[in-house]
Amino acid sequence: SRHKALIDTIGSIQEREPETKIIVFAEKNFGGYASAIKAFETSDTKFCHVNEKDTIARQNDVISWFRHVDATDEDRARPRILLLSFEQAAGHNLQEACHD
């Protein structure tokens, strides 16, 4: 299933690079975003996501965790996976901390 493929792919990346941050982009209008949330929740995978109930400041804070290299123990303790819809990602520079 798609859920298993998503979780297996992320598990494979985290096994090779446990410190890496992973951003998953999912389409919101046709159920991809909700499906990814379900996959993460049912597999007990720690992840971050933002939604329309979050304040703009909160949304920007969560997204900024993935834009920058970890500098503190608090940074390193956060989940390594961020789920974003394409709309949520629009306008953010998410390549700032990218090494590959």
N, C-alpha and C. Protein backbone atom coordinates (compact mmCIF):
# COMPACT_ATOMS: atom_id res chain seq x y z
N SER A 1 0.83 -1.19 0.00
CA SER A 1 0.00 0.00 0.00
C SER A 1 0.87 1.25 0.00
N ARG A 2 0.25 2.38 -0.25
CA ARG A 2 0.98 3.65 -0.26
C ARG A 2 1.51 4.00 1.12
N HIS A 3 0.72 3.69 2.15
CA HIS A 3 1.17 3.98 3.51
C HIS A 3 2.46 3.23 3.81
N LYS A 4 2.49 1.96 3.50
CA LYS A 4 3.67 1.13 3.75
C LYS A 4 4.86 1.66 2.95
N ALA A 5 4.64 2.03 1.70
CA ALA A 5 5.73 2.55 0.87
C ALA A 5 6.29 3.84 1.47
N LEU A 6 5.42 4.72 1.94
CA LEU A 6 5.87 5.97 2.55
C LEU A 6 6.69 5.70 3.81
N ILE A 7 6.16 4.88 4.69
CA ILE A 7 6.85 4.59 5.95
C ILE A 7 8.15 3.83 5.70
N ASP A 8 8.14 2.89 4.77
CA ASP A 8 9.36 2.14 4.45
C ASP A 8 10.44 3.05 3.86
N THR A 9 10.05 3.95 2.98
CA THR A 9 11.01 4.87 2.35
C THR A 9 11.63 5.78 3.41
N ILE A 10 10.81 6.33 4.27
CA ILE A 10 11.32 7.20 5.33
C ILE A 10 12.20 6.41 6.28
N GLY A 11 11.79 5.19 6.63
CA GLY A 11 12.60 4.35 7.50
C GLY A 11 13.96 4.06 6.90
N SER A 12 13.99 3.83 5.60
CA SER A 12 15.25 3.56 4.91
C SER A 12 16.18 4.77 4.96
N ILE A 13 15.62 5.94 4.74
CA ILE A 13 16.42 7.18 4.81
C ILE A 13 16.94 7.39 6.23
N GLN A 14 16.06 7.22 7.21
CA GLN A 14 16.47 7.47 8.59
C GLN A 14 17.49 6.44 9.08
N GLU A 15 17.42 5.24 8.56
CA GLU A 15 18.39 4.22 8.93
C GLU A 15 19.79 4.61 8.46
N ARG A 16 19.87 5.13 7.24
CA ARG A 16 21.16 5.55 6.67
C ARG A 16 21.63 6.89 7.23
N GLU A 17 20.69 7.80 7.47
CA GLU A 17 21.02 9.16 7.90
C GLU A 17 20.07 9.60 9.02
N PRO A 18 20.28 9.12 10.24
CA PRO A 18 19.33 9.38 11.33
C PRO A 18 19.15 10.85 11.69
N GLU A 19 20.09 11.69 11.36
CA GLU A 19 20.00 13.11 11.70
C GLU A 19 19.34 13.94 10.61
N THR A 20 19.11 13.35 9.45
CA THR A 20 18.59 14.13 8.33
C THR A 20 17.14 14.53 8.57
N LYS A 21 16.77 15.67 8.03
CA LYS A 21 15.39 16.14 8.08
C LYS A 21 14.73 15.79 6.76
N ILE A 22 13.49 15.34 6.85
CA ILE A 22 12.76 14.90 5.67
C ILE A 22 11.49 15.74 5.55
N ILE A 23 11.27 16.29 4.38
CA ILE A 23 10.02 17.02 4.12
C ILE A 23 9.22 16.22 3.11
N VAL A 24 8.00 15.88 3.49
CA VAL A 24 7.09 15.15 2.62
C VAL A 24 6.05 16.13 2.11
N PHE A 25 5.95 16.24 0.79
CA PHE A 25 4.95 17.10 0.17
C PHE A 25 3.79 16.23 -0.28
N ALA A 26 2.58 16.64 0.04
CA ALA A 26 1.41 15.86 -0.33
C ALA A 26 0.31 16.78 -0.82
N GLU A 27 -0.42 16.30 -1.78
CA GLU A 27 -1.53 17.05 -2.36
C GLU A 27 -2.71 16.99 -1.38
N LYS A 28 -3.28 18.13 -1.09
CA LYS A 28 -4.32 18.21 -0.06
C LYS A 28 -5.74 17.96 -0.59
N ASN A 29 -6.03 18.39 -1.80
CA ASN A 29 -7.40 18.34 -2.31
C ASN A 29 -7.91 16.95 -2.62
N PHE A 30 -7.04 16.01 -2.91
CA PHE A 30 -7.48 14.67 -3.30
C PHE A 30 -7.14 13.61 -2.26
N GLY A 31 -6.81 14.03 -1.05
CA GLY A 31 -6.64 13.09 0.06
C GLY A 31 -5.23 12.65 0.37
N GLY A 32 -4.25 13.07 -0.39
CA GLY A 32 -2.88 12.65 -0.13
C GLY A 32 -2.35 13.11 1.21
N TYR A 33 -2.66 14.32 1.57
CA TYR A 33 -2.19 14.90 2.84
C TYR A 33 -2.80 14.15 4.02
N ALA A 34 -4.12 13.96 3.98
CA ALA A 34 -4.80 13.23 5.06
C ALA A 34 -4.32 11.79 5.13
N SER A 35 -4.05 11.20 3.99
CA SER A 35 -3.55 9.83 3.95
C SER A 35 -2.16 9.73 4.57
N ALA A 36 -1.31 10.70 4.30
CA ALA A 36 0.04 10.71 4.88
C ALA A 36 -0.04 10.87 6.40
N ILE A 37 -0.92 11.74 6.88
CA ILE A 37 -1.10 11.90 8.33
C ILE A 37 -1.50 10.56 8.94
N LYS A 38 -2.46 9.89 8.31
CA LYS A 38 -2.92 8.60 8.82
C LYS A 38 -1.77 7.59 8.85
N ALA A 39 -0.96 7.56 7.78
CA ALA A 39 0.17 6.63 7.72
C ALA A 39 1.15 6.90 8.87
N PHE A 40 1.47 8.17 9.10
CA PHE A 40 2.39 8.51 10.18
C PHE A 40 1.81 8.15 11.54
N GLU A 41 0.54 8.49 11.75
CA GLU A 41 -0.08 8.24 13.05
C GLU A 41 -0.24 6.76 13.34
N THR A 42 -0.65 5.97 12.36
CA THR A 42 -0.85 4.54 12.60
C THR A 42 0.46 3.78 12.75
N SER A 43 1.55 4.34 12.26
CA SER A 43 2.85 3.69 12.39
C SER A 43 3.66 4.25 13.56
N ASP A 44 3.06 5.17 14.31
CA ASP A 44 3.74 5.83 15.43
C ASP A 44 5.01 6.55 15.00
N THR A 45 4.99 7.07 13.78
CA THR A 45 6.12 7.85 13.26
C THR A 45 6.00 9.28 13.76
N LYS A 46 7.04 9.79 14.39
CA LYS A 46 7.02 11.17 14.87
C LYS A 46 7.18 12.11 13.67
N PHE A 47 6.29 13.09 13.60
CA PHE A 47 6.34 14.05 12.50
C PHE A 47 5.71 15.36 12.92
N CYS A 48 5.96 16.40 12.15
CA CYS A 48 5.35 17.71 12.34
C CYS A 48 4.47 18.01 11.14
N HIS A 49 3.46 18.78 11.36
CA HIS A 49 2.66 19.33 10.28
C HIS A 49 1.96 20.57 10.79
N VAL A 50 1.51 21.37 9.90
CA VAL A 50 0.77 22.58 10.26
C VAL A 50 -0.60 22.51 9.61
N ASN A 51 -1.54 23.22 10.20
CA ASN A 51 -2.87 23.27 9.59
C ASN A 51 -3.47 24.66 9.75
N GLU A 52 -4.62 24.82 9.18
CA GLU A 52 -5.25 26.15 9.17
C GLU A 52 -5.65 26.62 10.56
N LYS A 53 -5.70 25.73 11.54
CA LYS A 53 -6.02 26.13 12.91
C LYS A 53 -4.82 26.76 13.61
N ASP A 54 -3.61 26.45 13.11
CA ASP A 54 -2.40 27.03 13.69
C ASP A 54 -2.30 28.50 13.29
N THR A 55 -1.74 29.30 14.18
CA THR A 55 -1.50 30.70 13.82
C THR A 55 -0.42 30.75 12.74
N ILE A 56 -0.37 31.85 12.03
CA ILE A 56 0.67 32.03 11.02
C ILE A 56 2.04 31.95 11.67
N ALA A 57 2.18 32.53 12.85
CA ALA A 57 3.46 32.49 13.56
C ALA A 57 3.85 31.04 13.87
N ARG A 58 2.90 30.25 14.33
CA ARG A 58 3.18 28.84 14.63
C ARG A 58 3.57 28.09 13.36
N GLN A 59 2.84 28.32 12.28
CA GLN A 59 3.15 27.66 11.01
C GLN A 59 4.57 28.01 10.57
N ASN A 60 4.91 29.28 10.65
CA ASN A 60 6.25 29.72 10.24
C ASN A 60 7.34 29.13 11.14
N ASP A 61 7.05 29.03 12.45
CA ASP A 61 8.02 28.44 13.37
C ASP A 61 8.30 26.98 13.00
N VAL A 62 7.25 26.21 12.79
CA VAL A 62 7.42 24.78 12.47
C VAL A 62 8.19 24.62 11.17
N ILE A 63 7.82 25.39 10.17
CA ILE A 63 8.50 25.28 8.88
C ILE A 63 9.97 25.71 9.02
N SER A 64 10.23 26.72 9.84
CA SER A 64 11.62 27.20 9.99
C SER A 64 12.51 26.14 10.64
N TRP A 65 11.94 25.24 11.45
CA TRP A 65 12.74 24.17 12.05
C TRP A 65 13.41 23.33 10.96
N PHE A 66 12.78 23.25 9.81
CA PHE A 66 13.28 22.40 8.73
C PHE A 66 14.10 23.20 7.71
N ARG A 67 14.14 24.49 7.86
CA ARG A 67 14.92 25.34 6.95
C ARG A 67 16.35 25.51 7.40
N HIS A 68 16.60 25.26 8.67
CA HIS A 68 17.91 25.55 9.24
C HIS A 68 18.55 24.30 9.82
N VAL A 69 19.87 24.31 9.85
CA VAL A 69 20.63 23.24 10.49
C VAL A 69 20.39 23.31 11.99
N ASP A 70 20.30 22.17 12.64
CA ASP A 70 20.11 22.14 14.09
C ASP A 70 21.28 22.79 14.80
N ALA A 71 20.96 23.64 15.77
CA ALA A 71 22.00 24.33 16.52
C ALA A 71 21.99 23.97 18.00
N THR A 72 20.87 23.46 18.50
CA THR A 72 20.74 23.19 19.93
C THR A 72 20.20 21.78 20.15
N ASP A 73 20.27 21.33 21.40
CA ASP A 73 19.68 20.03 21.75
C ASP A 73 18.17 20.04 21.53
N GLU A 74 17.55 21.19 21.78
CA GLU A 74 16.11 21.32 21.53
C GLU A 74 15.80 21.09 20.05
N ASP A 75 16.62 21.66 19.17
CA ASP A 75 16.46 21.46 17.73
C ASP A 75 16.56 19.98 17.38
N ARG A 76 17.59 19.32 17.91
CA ARG A 76 17.84 17.92 17.59
C ARG A 76 16.77 16.99 18.15
N ALA A 77 16.05 17.42 19.19
CA ALA A 77 15.01 16.60 19.81
C ALA A 77 13.68 16.63 19.05
N ARG A 78 13.54 17.55 18.13
CA ARG A 78 12.29 17.67 17.37
C ARG A 78 12.15 16.52 16.37
N PRO A 79 10.91 16.23 15.97
CA PRO A 79 10.72 15.22 14.92
C PRO A 79 11.52 15.58 13.68
N ARG A 80 11.95 14.58 12.93
CA ARG A 80 12.79 14.77 11.75
C ARG A 80 11.98 14.83 10.47
N ILE A 81 10.66 14.71 10.57
CA ILE A 81 9.79 14.67 9.39
C ILE A 81 8.79 15.81 9.45
N LEU A 82 8.66 16.52 8.34
CA LEU A 82 7.66 17.58 8.19
C LEU A 82 6.77 17.23 7.02
N LEU A 83 5.47 17.23 7.26
CA LEU A 83 4.49 17.02 6.21
C LEU A 83 3.90 18.36 5.83
N LEU A 84 3.97 18.69 4.55
CA LEU A 84 3.41 19.94 4.03
C LEU A 84 2.58 19.67 2.79
N SER A 85 1.51 20.41 2.66
CA SER A 85 0.80 20.42 1.38
C SER A 85 1.58 21.34 0.45
N PHE A 86 1.32 21.23 -0.82
CA PHE A 86 2.00 22.10 -1.78
C PHE A 86 1.68 23.56 -1.49
N GLU A 87 0.44 23.83 -1.08
CA GLU A 87 0.03 25.21 -0.77
C GLU A 87 0.79 25.75 0.44
N GLN A 88 0.97 24.91 1.44
CA GLN A 88 1.69 25.34 2.64
C GLN A 88 3.16 25.63 2.35
N ALA A 89 3.72 24.92 1.41
CA ALA A 89 5.14 25.08 1.08
C ALA A 89 5.41 26.31 0.21
N ALA A 90 4.40 26.79 -0.46
CA ALA A 90 4.58 27.90 -1.40
C ALA A 90 5.19 29.12 -0.69
N GLY A 91 6.22 29.66 -1.29
CA GLY A 91 6.84 30.87 -0.77
C GLY A 91 7.92 30.66 0.27
N HIS A 92 8.15 29.41 0.69
CA HIS A 92 9.19 29.15 1.69
C HIS A 92 10.45 28.63 1.00
N ASN A 93 11.61 29.10 1.45
CA ASN A 93 12.88 28.59 0.95
C ASN A 93 13.23 27.38 1.78
N LEU A 94 12.96 26.20 1.25
CA LEU A 94 13.19 24.97 2.01
C LEU A 94 14.50 24.29 1.60
N GLN A 95 15.32 24.97 0.82
CA GLN A 95 16.59 24.39 0.41
C GLN A 95 17.77 24.95 1.19
N GLU A 96 17.50 25.84 2.10
CA GLU A 96 18.56 26.53 2.83
C GLU A 96 19.52 25.58 3.54
N ALA A 97 18.99 24.53 4.16
CA ALA A 97 19.83 23.60 4.92
C ALA A 97 20.11 22.32 4.13
N CYS A 98 19.74 22.28 2.88
CA CYS A 98 19.89 21.08 2.06
C CYS A 98 21.35 20.85 1.69
N HIS A 99 21.78 19.61 1.84
CA HIS A 99 23.15 19.25 1.49
C HIS A 99 23.21 18.43 0.21
N ASP A 100 22.10 17.87 -0.24
CA ASP A 100 22.07 17.02 -1.43
C ASP A 100 21.25 17.65 -2.54
